[in-house]
Amino acid sequence: PIVEAFACGCPVITSNITSMPEVAGDAALLVD
């Protein structure tokens, strides 16, 4: 869902653990 949202122009909040920082790069807000 992170990259699907990116492709649709939807801003993303996701987690700072497991694979999510790797997938999001600097294009999302990372949270605990």
mmCIF file of all heavy atoms, coordinates in Angstrom:
data_MODEL
# 
_entry.id   MODEL 
# 
loop_
_atom_site.group_PDB 
_atom_site.id 
_atom_site.type_symbol 
_atom_site.label_atom_id 
_atom_site.label_alt_id 
_atom_site.label_comp_id 
_atom_site.label_asym_id 
_atom_site.label_entity_id 
_atom_site.label_seq_id 
_atom_site.pdbx_PDB_ins_code 
_atom_site.Cartn_x 
_atom_site.Cartn_y 
_atom_site.Cartn_z 
_atom_site.occupancy 
_atom_site.B_iso_or_equiv 
_atom_site.pdbx_formal_charge 
_atom_site.auth_seq_id 
_atom_site.auth_comp_id 
_atom_site.auth_asym_id 
_atom_site.auth_atom_id 
_atom_site.pdbx_PDB_model_num 
ATOM 1   N N   . PRO A 1 1  ? 0.798  -1.232 0.000  1.00 0.00 ? 1  PRO A N   1 
ATOM 2   C CA  . PRO A 1 1  ? 0.000  0.000  0.000  1.00 0.00 ? 1  PRO A CA  1 
ATOM 3   C C   . PRO A 1 1  ? 0.829  1.280  0.000  1.00 0.00 ? 1  PRO A C   1 
ATOM 4   O O   . PRO A 1 1  ? 0.378  2.313  -0.507 1.00 0.00 ? 1  PRO A O   1 
ATOM 5   C CB  . PRO A 1 1  ? -0.835 -0.117 1.286  1.00 0.00 ? 1  PRO A CB  1 
ATOM 6   C CG  . PRO A 1 1  ? -0.992 -1.590 1.486  1.00 0.00 ? 1  PRO A CG  1 
ATOM 7   C CD  . PRO A 1 1  ? 0.327  -2.165 1.066  1.00 0.00 ? 1  PRO A CD  1 
ATOM 8   N N   . ILE A 1 2  ? 2.041  1.228  0.540  1.00 0.00 ? 2  ILE A N   1 
ATOM 9   C CA  . ILE A 1 2  ? 2.900  2.420  0.558  1.00 0.00 ? 2  ILE A CA  1 
ATOM 10  C C   . ILE A 1 2  ? 3.161  2.895  -0.866 1.00 0.00 ? 2  ILE A C   1 
ATOM 11  O O   . ILE A 1 2  ? 2.966  4.073  -1.196 1.00 0.00 ? 2  ILE A O   1 
ATOM 12  C CB  . ILE A 1 2  ? 4.242  2.124  1.263  1.00 0.00 ? 2  ILE A CB  1 
ATOM 13  C CG1 . ILE A 1 2  ? 4.017  1.750  2.725  1.00 0.00 ? 2  ILE A CG1 1 
ATOM 14  C CG2 . ILE A 1 2  ? 5.191  3.317  1.147  1.00 0.00 ? 2  ILE A CG2 1 
ATOM 15  C CD1 . ILE A 1 2  ? 5.269  1.207  3.414  1.00 0.00 ? 2  ILE A CD1 1 
ATOM 16  N N   . VAL A 1 3  ? 3.595  1.981  -1.734 1.00 0.00 ? 3  VAL A N   1 
ATOM 17  C CA  . VAL A 1 3  ? 3.973  2.394  -3.088 1.00 0.00 ? 3  VAL A CA  1 
ATOM 18  C C   . VAL A 1 3  ? 2.750  2.596  -3.976 1.00 0.00 ? 3  VAL A C   1 
ATOM 19  O O   . VAL A 1 3  ? 2.786  3.396  -4.920 1.00 0.00 ? 3  VAL A O   1 
ATOM 20  C CB  . VAL A 1 3  ? 4.981  1.405  -3.712 1.00 0.00 ? 3  VAL A CB  1 
ATOM 21  C CG1 . VAL A 1 3  ? 6.297  1.456  -2.946 1.00 0.00 ? 3  VAL A CG1 1 
ATOM 22  C CG2 . VAL A 1 3  ? 4.460  -0.024 -3.736 1.00 0.00 ? 3  VAL A CG2 1 
ATOM 23  N N   . GLU A 1 4  ? 1.657  1.874  -3.695 1.00 0.00 ? 4  GLU A N   1 
ATOM 24  C CA  . GLU A 1 4  ? 0.411  2.141  -4.432 1.00 0.00 ? 4  GLU A CA  1 
ATOM 25  C C   . GLU A 1 4  ? -0.059 3.568  -4.156 1.00 0.00 ? 4  GLU A C   1 
ATOM 26  O O   . GLU A 1 4  ? -0.473 4.283  -5.081 1.00 0.00 ? 4  GLU A O   1 
ATOM 27  C CB  . GLU A 1 4  ? -0.660 1.139  -4.024 1.00 0.00 ? 4  GLU A CB  1 
ATOM 28  C CG  . GLU A 1 4  ? -0.421 -0.265 -4.535 1.00 0.00 ? 4  GLU A CG  1 
ATOM 29  C CD  . GLU A 1 4  ? -1.455 -1.266 -4.048 1.00 0.00 ? 4  GLU A CD  1 
ATOM 30  O OE1 . GLU A 1 4  ? -2.179 -0.971 -3.065 1.00 0.00 ? 4  GLU A OE1 1 
ATOM 31  O OE2 . GLU A 1 4  ? -1.539 -2.364 -4.638 1.00 0.00 ? 4  GLU A OE2 1 
ATOM 32  N N   . ALA A 1 5  ? 0.012  3.982  -2.895 1.00 0.00 ? 5  ALA A N   1 
ATOM 33  C CA  . ALA A 1 5  ? -0.381 5.350  -2.549 1.00 0.00 ? 5  ALA A CA  1 
ATOM 34  C C   . ALA A 1 5  ? 0.545  6.366  -3.212 1.00 0.00 ? 5  ALA A C   1 
ATOM 35  O O   . ALA A 1 5  ? 0.076  7.387  -3.747 1.00 0.00 ? 5  ALA A O   1 
ATOM 36  C CB  . ALA A 1 5  ? -0.367 5.525  -1.027 1.00 0.00 ? 5  ALA A CB  1 
ATOM 37  N N   . PHE A 1 6  ? 1.841  6.114  -3.189 1.00 0.00 ? 6  PHE A N   1 
ATOM 38  C CA  . PHE A 1 6  ? 2.791  7.008  -3.868 1.00 0.00 ? 6  PHE A CA  1 
ATOM 39  C C   . PHE A 1 6  ? 2.370  7.235  -5.319 1.00 0.00 ? 6  PHE A C   1 
ATOM 40  O O   . PHE A 1 6  ? 2.343  8.369  -5.807 1.00 0.00 ? 6  PHE A O   1 
ATOM 41  C CB  . PHE A 1 6  ? 4.197  6.396  -3.866 1.00 0.00 ? 6  PHE A CB  1 
ATOM 42  C CG  . PHE A 1 6  ? 4.938  6.452  -2.561 1.00 0.00 ? 6  PHE A CG  1 
ATOM 43  C CD1 . PHE A 1 6  ? 6.083  5.678  -2.380 1.00 0.00 ? 6  PHE A CD1 1 
ATOM 44  C CD2 . PHE A 1 6  ? 4.527  7.271  -1.520 1.00 0.00 ? 6  PHE A CD2 1 
ATOM 45  C CE1 . PHE A 1 6  ? 6.792  5.721  -1.190 1.00 0.00 ? 6  PHE A CE1 1 
ATOM 46  C CE2 . PHE A 1 6  ? 5.241  7.322  -0.331 1.00 0.00 ? 6  PHE A CE2 1 
ATOM 47  C CZ  . PHE A 1 6  ? 6.371  6.543  -0.160 1.00 0.00 ? 6  PHE A CZ  1 
ATOM 48  N N   . ALA A 1 7  ? 2.072  6.135  -6.026 1.00 0.00 ? 7  ALA A N   1 
ATOM 49  C CA  . ALA A 1 7  ? 1.761  6.219  -7.455 1.00 0.00 ? 7  ALA A CA  1 
ATOM 50  C C   . ALA A 1 7  ? 0.480  6.988  -7.725 1.00 0.00 ? 7  ALA A C   1 
ATOM 51  O O   . ALA A 1 7  ? 0.280  7.513  -8.824 1.00 0.00 ? 7  ALA A O   1 
ATOM 52  C CB  . ALA A 1 7  ? 1.656  4.813  -8.045 1.00 0.00 ? 7  ALA A CB  1 
ATOM 53  N N   . CYS A 1 8  ? -0.399 7.064  -6.716 1.00 0.00 ? 8  CYS A N   1 
ATOM 54  C CA  . CYS A 1 8  ? -1.671 7.777  -6.861 1.00 0.00 ? 8  CYS A CA  1 
ATOM 55  C C   . CYS A 1 8  ? -1.601 9.218  -6.354 1.00 0.00 ? 8  CYS A C   1 
ATOM 56  O O   . CYS A 1 8  ? -2.620 9.929  -6.373 1.00 0.00 ? 8  CYS A O   1 
ATOM 57  C CB  . CYS A 1 8  ? -2.772 7.036  -6.109 1.00 0.00 ? 8  CYS A CB  1 
ATOM 58  S SG  . CYS A 1 8  ? -3.160 5.415  -6.807 1.00 0.00 ? 8  CYS A SG  1 
ATOM 59  N N   . GLY A 1 9  ? -0.439 9.660  -5.905 1.00 0.00 ? 9  GLY A N   1 
ATOM 60  C CA  . GLY A 1 9  ? -0.320 11.023 -5.393 1.00 0.00 ? 9  GLY A CA  1 
ATOM 61  C C   . GLY A 1 9  ? -0.930 11.212 -4.024 1.00 0.00 ? 9  GLY A C   1 
ATOM 62  O O   . GLY A 1 9  ? -1.444 12.291 -3.705 1.00 0.00 ? 9  GLY A O   1 
ATOM 63  N N   . CYS A 1 10 ? -0.868 10.154 -3.213 1.00 0.00 ? 10 CYS A N   1 
ATOM 64  C CA  . CYS A 1 10 ? -1.416 10.207 -1.855 1.00 0.00 ? 10 CYS A CA  1 
ATOM 65  C C   . CYS A 1 10 ? -0.262 10.225 -0.857 1.00 0.00 ? 10 CYS A C   1 
ATOM 66  O O   . CYS A 1 10 ? 0.568  9.303  -0.869 1.00 0.00 ? 10 CYS A O   1 
ATOM 67  C CB  . CYS A 1 10 ? -2.308 8.989  -1.616 1.00 0.00 ? 10 CYS A CB  1 
ATOM 68  S SG  . CYS A 1 10 ? -2.952 8.848  0.071  1.00 0.00 ? 10 CYS A SG  1 
ATOM 69  N N   . PRO A 1 11 ? -0.164 11.221 0.021  1.00 0.00 ? 11 PRO A N   1 
ATOM 70  C CA  . PRO A 1 11 ? 0.917  11.249 1.010  1.00 0.00 ? 11 PRO A CA  1 
ATOM 71  C C   . PRO A 1 11 ? 0.773  10.117 2.012  1.00 0.00 ? 11 PRO A C   1 
ATOM 72  O O   . PRO A 1 11 ? -0.349 9.674  2.307  1.00 0.00 ? 11 PRO A O   1 
ATOM 73  C CB  . PRO A 1 11 ? 0.769  12.619 1.671  1.00 0.00 ? 11 PRO A CB  1 
ATOM 74  C CG  . PRO A 1 11 ? -0.615 13.057 1.388  1.00 0.00 ? 11 PRO A CG  1 
ATOM 75  C CD  . PRO A 1 11 ? -1.034 12.408 0.111  1.00 0.00 ? 11 PRO A CD  1 
ATOM 76  N N   . VAL A 1 12 ? 1.906  9.666  2.555  1.00 0.00 ? 12 VAL A N   1 
ATOM 77  C CA  . VAL A 1 12 ? 1.937  8.424  3.335  1.00 0.00 ? 12 VAL A CA  1 
ATOM 78  C C   . VAL A 1 12 ? 2.569  8.627  4.708  1.00 0.00 ? 12 VAL A C   1 
ATOM 79  O O   . VAL A 1 12 ? 3.607  9.278  4.843  1.00 0.00 ? 12 VAL A O   1 
ATOM 80  C CB  . VAL A 1 12 ? 2.718  7.331  2.567  1.00 0.00 ? 12 VAL A CB  1 
ATOM 81  C CG1 . VAL A 1 12 ? 2.895  6.075  3.427  1.00 0.00 ? 12 VAL A CG1 1 
ATOM 82  C CG2 . VAL A 1 12 ? 2.019  6.979  1.258  1.00 0.00 ? 12 VAL A CG2 1 
ATOM 83  N N   . ILE A 1 13 ? 1.926  8.028  5.713  1.00 0.00 ? 13 ILE A N   1 
ATOM 84  C CA  . ILE A 1 13 ? 2.510  7.828  7.041  1.00 0.00 ? 13 ILE A CA  1 
ATOM 85  C C   . ILE A 1 13 ? 2.780  6.341  7.170  1.00 0.00 ? 13 ILE A C   1 
ATOM 86  O O   . ILE A 1 13 ? 1.886  5.521  6.927  1.00 0.00 ? 13 ILE A O   1 
ATOM 87  C CB  . ILE A 1 13 ? 1.537  8.252  8.161  1.00 0.00 ? 13 ILE A CB  1 
ATOM 88  C CG1 . ILE A 1 13 ? 1.201  9.735  8.065  1.00 0.00 ? 13 ILE A CG1 1 
ATOM 89  C CG2 . ILE A 1 13 ? 2.107  7.911  9.533  1.00 0.00 ? 13 ILE A CG2 1 
ATOM 90  C CD1 . ILE A 1 13 ? 0.006  10.133 8.940  1.00 0.00 ? 13 ILE A CD1 1 
ATOM 91  N N   . THR A 1 14 ? 4.008  5.962  7.539  1.00 0.00 ? 14 THR A N   1 
ATOM 92  C CA  . THR A 1 14 ? 4.298  4.547  7.743  1.00 0.00 ? 14 THR A CA  1 
ATOM 93  C C   . THR A 1 14 ? 5.311  4.374  8.860  1.00 0.00 ? 14 THR A C   1 
ATOM 94  O O   . THR A 1 14 ? 5.781  5.352  9.456  1.00 0.00 ? 14 THR A O   1 
ATOM 95  C CB  . THR A 1 14 ? 4.764  3.876  6.438  1.00 0.00 ? 14 THR A CB  1 
ATOM 96  O OG1 . THR A 1 14 ? 4.730  2.452  6.597  1.00 0.00 ? 14 THR A OG1 1 
ATOM 97  C CG2 . THR A 1 14 ? 6.155  4.326  6.033  1.00 0.00 ? 14 THR A CG2 1 
ATOM 98  N N   . SER A 1 15 ? 5.672  3.138  9.155  1.00 0.00 ? 15 SER A N   1 
ATOM 99  C CA  . SER A 1 15 ? 6.479  2.818  10.331 1.00 0.00 ? 15 SER A CA  1 
ATOM 100 C C   . SER A 1 15 ? 7.973  2.936  10.049 1.00 0.00 ? 15 SER A C   1 
ATOM 101 O O   . SER A 1 15 ? 8.433  2.782  8.915  1.00 0.00 ? 15 SER A O   1 
ATOM 102 C CB  . SER A 1 15 ? 6.169  1.403  10.812 1.00 0.00 ? 15 SER A CB  1 
ATOM 103 O OG  . SER A 1 15 ? 4.824  1.276  11.179 1.00 0.00 ? 15 SER A OG  1 
ATOM 104 N N   . ASN A 1 16 ? 8.716  3.127  11.124 1.00 0.00 ? 16 ASN A N   1 
ATOM 105 C CA  . ASN A 1 16 ? 10.175 3.241  11.025 1.00 0.00 ? 16 ASN A CA  1 
ATOM 106 C C   . ASN A 1 16 ? 10.865 1.916  11.319 1.00 0.00 ? 16 ASN A C   1 
ATOM 107 O O   . ASN A 1 16 ? 12.038 1.903  11.716 1.00 0.00 ? 16 ASN A O   1 
ATOM 108 C CB  . ASN A 1 16 ? 10.692 4.342  11.963 1.00 0.00 ? 16 ASN A CB  1 
ATOM 109 C CG  . ASN A 1 16 ? 10.356 4.069  13.427 1.00 0.00 ? 16 ASN A CG  1 
ATOM 110 O OD1 . ASN A 1 16 ? 9.851  3.005  13.770 1.00 0.00 ? 16 ASN A OD1 1 
ATOM 111 N ND2 . ASN A 1 16 ? 10.628 5.042  14.294 1.00 0.00 ? 16 ASN A ND2 1 
ATOM 112 N N   . ILE A 1 17 ? 10.159 0.785  11.127 1.00 0.00 ? 17 ILE A N   1 
ATOM 113 C CA  . ILE A 1 17 ? 10.714 -0.534 11.423 1.00 0.00 ? 17 ILE A CA  1 
ATOM 114 C C   . ILE A 1 17 ? 10.501 -1.490 10.256 1.00 0.00 ? 17 ILE A C   1 
ATOM 115 O O   . ILE A 1 17 ? 9.765  -1.196 9.323  1.00 0.00 ? 17 ILE A O   1 
ATOM 116 C CB  . ILE A 1 17 ? 10.077 -1.137 12.702 1.00 0.00 ? 17 ILE A CB  1 
ATOM 117 C CG1 . ILE A 1 17 ? 8.554  -1.229 12.560 1.00 0.00 ? 17 ILE A CG1 1 
ATOM 118 C CG2 . ILE A 1 17 ? 10.446 -0.318 13.935 1.00 0.00 ? 17 ILE A CG2 1 
ATOM 119 C CD1 . ILE A 1 17 ? 7.869  -1.981 13.698 1.00 0.00 ? 17 ILE A CD1 1 
ATOM 120 N N   . THR A 1 18 ? 11.130 -2.648 10.330 1.00 0.00 ? 18 THR A N   1 
ATOM 121 C CA  . THR A 1 18 ? 11.141 -3.722 9.330  1.00 0.00 ? 18 THR A CA  1 
ATOM 122 C C   . THR A 1 18 ? 11.404 -3.153 7.933  1.00 0.00 ? 18 THR A C   1 
ATOM 123 O O   . THR A 1 18 ? 12.333 -2.370 7.748  1.00 0.00 ? 18 THR A O   1 
ATOM 124 C CB  . THR A 1 18 ? 9.858  -4.595 9.418  1.00 0.00 ? 18 THR A CB  1 
ATOM 125 O OG1 . THR A 1 18 ? 8.703  -3.873 9.038  1.00 0.00 ? 18 THR A OG1 1 
ATOM 126 C CG2 . THR A 1 18 ? 9.685  -5.150 10.815 1.00 0.00 ? 18 THR A CG2 1 
ATOM 127 N N   . SER A 1 19 ? 10.619 -3.524 6.941  1.00 0.00 ? 19 SER A N   1 
ATOM 128 C CA  . SER A 1 19 ? 10.932 -3.144 5.562  1.00 0.00 ? 19 SER A CA  1 
ATOM 129 C C   . SER A 1 19 ? 10.463 -1.743 5.181  1.00 0.00 ? 19 SER A C   1 
ATOM 130 O O   . SER A 1 19 ? 10.841 -1.226 4.125  1.00 0.00 ? 19 SER A O   1 
ATOM 131 C CB  . SER A 1 19 ? 10.275 -4.141 4.602  1.00 0.00 ? 19 SER A CB  1 
ATOM 132 O OG  . SER A 1 19 ? 8.861  -4.032 4.706  1.00 0.00 ? 19 SER A OG  1 
ATOM 133 N N   . MET A 1 20 ? 9.635  -1.132 6.007  1.00 0.00 ? 20 MET A N   1 
ATOM 134 C CA  . MET A 1 20 ? 8.929  0.079  5.562  1.00 0.00 ? 20 MET A CA  1 
ATOM 135 C C   . MET A 1 20 ? 9.844  1.280  5.290  1.00 0.00 ? 20 MET A C   1 
ATOM 136 O O   . MET A 1 20 ? 9.653  1.980  4.282  1.00 0.00 ? 20 MET A O   1 
ATOM 137 C CB  . MET A 1 20 ? 7.802  0.397  6.541  1.00 0.00 ? 20 MET A CB  1 
ATOM 138 C CG  . MET A 1 20 ? 6.660  -0.618 6.413  1.00 0.00 ? 20 MET A CG  1 
ATOM 139 S SD  . MET A 1 20 ? 5.481  -0.667 7.785  1.00 0.00 ? 20 MET A SD  1 
ATOM 140 C CE  . MET A 1 20 ? 6.386  -1.653 8.983  1.00 0.00 ? 20 MET A CE  1 
ATOM 141 N N   . PRO A 1 21 ? 10.873 1.554  6.106  1.00 0.00 ? 21 PRO A N   1 
ATOM 142 C CA  . PRO A 1 21 ? 11.789 2.643  5.730  1.00 0.00 ? 21 PRO A CA  1 
ATOM 143 C C   . PRO A 1 21 ? 12.521 2.369  4.410  1.00 0.00 ? 21 PRO A C   1 
ATOM 144 O O   . PRO A 1 21 ? 12.760 3.288  3.628  1.00 0.00 ? 21 PRO A O   1 
ATOM 145 C CB  . PRO A 1 21 ? 12.778 2.683  6.906  1.00 0.00 ? 21 PRO A CB  1 
ATOM 146 C CG  . PRO A 1 21 ? 12.065 2.051  8.040  1.00 0.00 ? 21 PRO A CG  1 
ATOM 147 C CD  . PRO A 1 21 ? 11.192 0.998  7.428  1.00 0.00 ? 21 PRO A CD  1 
ATOM 148 N N   . GLU A 1 22 ? 12.851 1.111  4.161  1.00 0.00 ? 22 GLU A N   1 
ATOM 149 C CA  . GLU A 1 22 ? 13.520 0.730  2.917  1.00 0.00 ? 22 GLU A CA  1 
ATOM 150 C C   . GLU A 1 22 ? 12.629 1.020  1.710  1.00 0.00 ? 22 GLU A C   1 
ATOM 151 O O   . GLU A 1 22 ? 13.091 1.549  0.690  1.00 0.00 ? 22 GLU A O   1 
ATOM 152 C CB  . GLU A 1 22 ? 13.860 -0.762 2.978  1.00 0.00 ? 22 GLU A CB  1 
ATOM 153 C CG  . GLU A 1 22 ? 14.455 -1.339 1.713  1.00 0.00 ? 22 GLU A CG  1 
ATOM 154 C CD  . GLU A 1 22 ? 14.604 -2.864 1.794  1.00 0.00 ? 22 GLU A CD  1 
ATOM 155 O OE1 . GLU A 1 22 ? 14.527 -3.427 2.907  1.00 0.00 ? 22 GLU A OE1 1 
ATOM 156 O OE2 . GLU A 1 22 ? 14.784 -3.482 0.730  1.00 0.00 ? 22 GLU A OE2 1 
ATOM 157 N N   . VAL A 1 23 ? 11.358 0.679  1.820  1.00 0.00 ? 23 VAL A N   1 
ATOM 158 C CA  . VAL A 1 23 ? 10.431 0.865  0.709  1.00 0.00 ? 23 VAL A CA  1 
ATOM 159 C C   . VAL A 1 23 ? 10.066 2.335  0.527  1.00 0.00 ? 23 VAL A C   1 
ATOM 160 O O   . VAL A 1 23 ? 10.022 2.849  -0.592 1.00 0.00 ? 23 VAL A O   1 
ATOM 161 C CB  . VAL A 1 23 ? 9.158  0.011  0.933  1.00 0.00 ? 23 VAL A CB  1 
ATOM 162 C CG1 . VAL A 1 23 ? 8.083  0.342  -0.089 1.00 0.00 ? 23 VAL A CG1 1 
ATOM 163 C CG2 . VAL A 1 23 ? 9.504  -1.468 0.892  1.00 0.00 ? 23 VAL A CG2 1 
ATOM 164 N N   . ALA A 1 24 ? 9.838  3.040  1.627  1.00 0.00 ? 24 ALA A N   1 
ATOM 165 C CA  . ALA A 1 24 ? 9.369  4.431  1.557  1.00 0.00 ? 24 ALA A CA  1 
ATOM 166 C C   . ALA A 1 24 ? 10.471 5.409  1.191  1.00 0.00 ? 24 ALA A C   1 
ATOM 167 O O   . ALA A 1 24 ? 10.205 6.457  0.596  1.00 0.00 ? 24 ALA A O   1 
ATOM 168 C CB  . ALA A 1 24 ? 8.742  4.827  2.889  1.00 0.00 ? 24 ALA A CB  1 
ATOM 169 N N   . GLY A 1 25 ? 11.725 5.087  1.527  1.00 0.00 ? 25 GLY A N   1 
ATOM 170 C CA  . GLY A 1 25 ? 12.790 6.064  1.319  1.00 0.00 ? 25 GLY A CA  1 
ATOM 171 C C   . GLY A 1 25 ? 12.498 7.328  2.105  1.00 0.00 ? 25 GLY A C   1 
ATOM 172 O O   . GLY A 1 25 ? 12.055 7.285  3.250  1.00 0.00 ? 25 GLY A O   1 
ATOM 173 N N   . ASP A 1 26 ? 12.721 8.477  1.460  1.00 0.00 ? 26 ASP A N   1 
ATOM 174 C CA  . ASP A 1 26 ? 12.447 9.760  2.126  1.00 0.00 ? 26 ASP A CA  1 
ATOM 175 C C   . ASP A 1 26 ? 11.123 10.363 1.682  1.00 0.00 ? 26 ASP A C   1 
ATOM 176 O O   . ASP A 1 26 ? 10.880 11.551 1.842  1.00 0.00 ? 26 ASP A O   1 
ATOM 177 C CB  . ASP A 1 26 ? 13.587 10.754 1.864  1.00 0.00 ? 26 ASP A CB  1 
ATOM 178 C CG  . ASP A 1 26 ? 13.679 11.169 0.399  1.00 0.00 ? 26 ASP A CG  1 
ATOM 179 O OD1 . ASP A 1 26 ? 13.009 10.543 -0.460 1.00 0.00 ? 26 ASP A OD1 1 
ATOM 180 O OD2 . ASP A 1 26 ? 14.421 12.134 0.108  1.00 0.00 ? 26 ASP A OD2 1 
ATOM 181 N N   . ALA A 1 27 ? 10.236 9.506  1.129  1.00 0.00 ? 27 ALA A N   1 
ATOM 182 C CA  . ALA A 1 27 ? 8.993  10.011 0.533  1.00 0.00 ? 27 ALA A CA  1 
ATOM 183 C C   . ALA A 1 27 ? 7.781  9.882  1.454  1.00 0.00 ? 27 ALA A C   1 
ATOM 184 O O   . ALA A 1 27 ? 6.666  10.163 1.037  1.00 0.00 ? 27 ALA A O   1 
ATOM 185 C CB  . ALA A 1 27 ? 8.719  9.278  -0.787 1.00 0.00 ? 27 ALA A CB  1 
ATOM 186 N N   . ALA A 1 28 ? 7.987  9.442  2.708  1.00 0.00 ? 28 ALA A N   1 
ATOM 187 C CA  . ALA A 1 28 ? 6.874  9.282  3.650  1.00 0.00 ? 28 ALA A CA  1 
ATOM 188 C C   . ALA A 1 28 ? 7.276  9.820  5.013  1.00 0.00 ? 28 ALA A C   1 
ATOM 189 O O   . ALA A 1 28 ? 8.468  10.011 5.302  1.00 0.00 ? 28 ALA A O   1 
ATOM 190 C CB  . ALA A 1 28 ? 6.487  7.809  3.759  1.00 0.00 ? 28 ALA A CB  1 
ATOM 191 N N   . LEU A 1 29 ? 6.282  10.061 5.856  1.00 0.00 ? 29 LEU A N   1 
ATOM 192 C CA  . LEU A 1 29 ? 6.543  10.372 7.260  1.00 0.00 ? 29 LEU A CA  1 
ATOM 193 C C   . LEU A 1 29 ? 6.684  9.054  8.010  1.00 0.00 ? 29 LEU A C   1 
ATOM 194 O O   . LEU A 1 29 ? 5.762  8.235  8.006  1.00 0.00 ? 29 LEU A O   1 
ATOM 195 C CB  . LEU A 1 29 ? 5.393  11.184 7.860  1.00 0.00 ? 29 LEU A CB  1 
ATOM 196 C CG  . LEU A 1 29 ? 5.177  12.604 7.328  1.00 0.00 ? 29 LEU A CG  1 
ATOM 197 C CD1 . LEU A 1 29 ? 4.036  13.277 8.096  1.00 0.00 ? 29 LEU A CD1 1 
ATOM 198 C CD2 . LEU A 1 29 ? 6.450  13.440 7.452  1.00 0.00 ? 29 LEU A CD2 1 
ATOM 199 N N   . LEU A 1 30 ? 7.832  8.845  8.651  1.00 0.00 ? 30 LEU A N   1 
ATOM 200 C CA  . LEU A 1 30 ? 8.080  7.621  9.399  1.00 0.00 ? 30 LEU A CA  1 
ATOM 201 C C   . LEU A 1 30 ? 7.786  7.860  10.876 1.00 0.00 ? 30 LEU A C   1 
ATOM 202 O O   . LEU A 1 30 ? 8.227  8.854  11.447 1.00 0.00 ? 30 LEU A O   1 
ATOM 203 C CB  . LEU A 1 30 ? 9.532  7.172  9.228  1.00 0.00 ? 30 LEU A CB  1 
ATOM 204 C CG  . LEU A 1 30 ? 9.988  6.880  7.795  1.00 0.00 ? 30 LEU A CG  1 
ATOM 205 C CD1 . LEU A 1 30 ? 11.438 6.401  7.802  1.00 0.00 ? 30 LEU A CD1 1 
ATOM 206 C CD2 . LEU A 1 30 ? 9.093  5.848  7.122  1.00 0.00 ? 30 LEU A CD2 1 
ATOM 207 N N   . VAL A 1 31 ? 7.041  6.920  11.472 1.00 0.00 ? 31 VAL A N   1 
ATOM 208 C CA  . VAL A 1 31 ? 6.641  7.070  12.864 1.00 0.00 ? 31 VAL A CA  1 
ATOM 209 C C   . VAL A 1 31 ? 6.981  5.809  13.645 1.00 0.00 ? 31 VAL A C   1 
ATOM 210 O O   . VAL A 1 31 ? 7.180  4.733  13.078 1.00 0.00 ? 31 VAL A O   1 
ATOM 211 C CB  . VAL A 1 31 ? 5.127  7.344  12.986 1.00 0.00 ? 31 VAL A CB  1 
ATOM 212 C CG1 . VAL A 1 31 ? 4.744  8.627  12.263 1.00 0.00 ? 31 VAL A CG1 1 
ATOM 213 C CG2 . VAL A 1 31 ? 4.305  6.167  12.449 1.00 0.00 ? 31 VAL A CG2 1 
ATOM 214 N N   . ASP A 1 32 ? 7.043  5.962  14.975 1.00 0.00 ? 32 ASP A N   1 
ATOM 215 C CA  . ASP A 1 32 ? 7.136  4.817  15.868 1.00 0.00 ? 32 ASP A CA  1 
ATOM 216 C C   . ASP A 1 32 ? 5.751  4.185  15.929 1.00 0.00 ? 32 ASP A C   1 
ATOM 217 O O   . ASP A 1 32 ? 4.809  4.795  16.454 1.00 0.00 ? 32 ASP A O   1 
ATOM 218 C CB  . ASP A 1 32 ? 7.584  5.287  17.256 1.00 0.00 ? 32 ASP A CB  1 
ATOM 219 C CG  . ASP A 1 32 ? 7.561  4.165  18.286 1.00 0.00 ? 32 ASP A CG  1 
ATOM 220 O OD1 . ASP A 1 32 ? 7.227  3.015  17.942 1.00 0.00 ? 32 ASP A OD1 1 
ATOM 221 O OD2 . ASP A 1 32 ? 7.873  4.452  19.462 1.00 0.00 ? 32 ASP A OD2 1 
# 
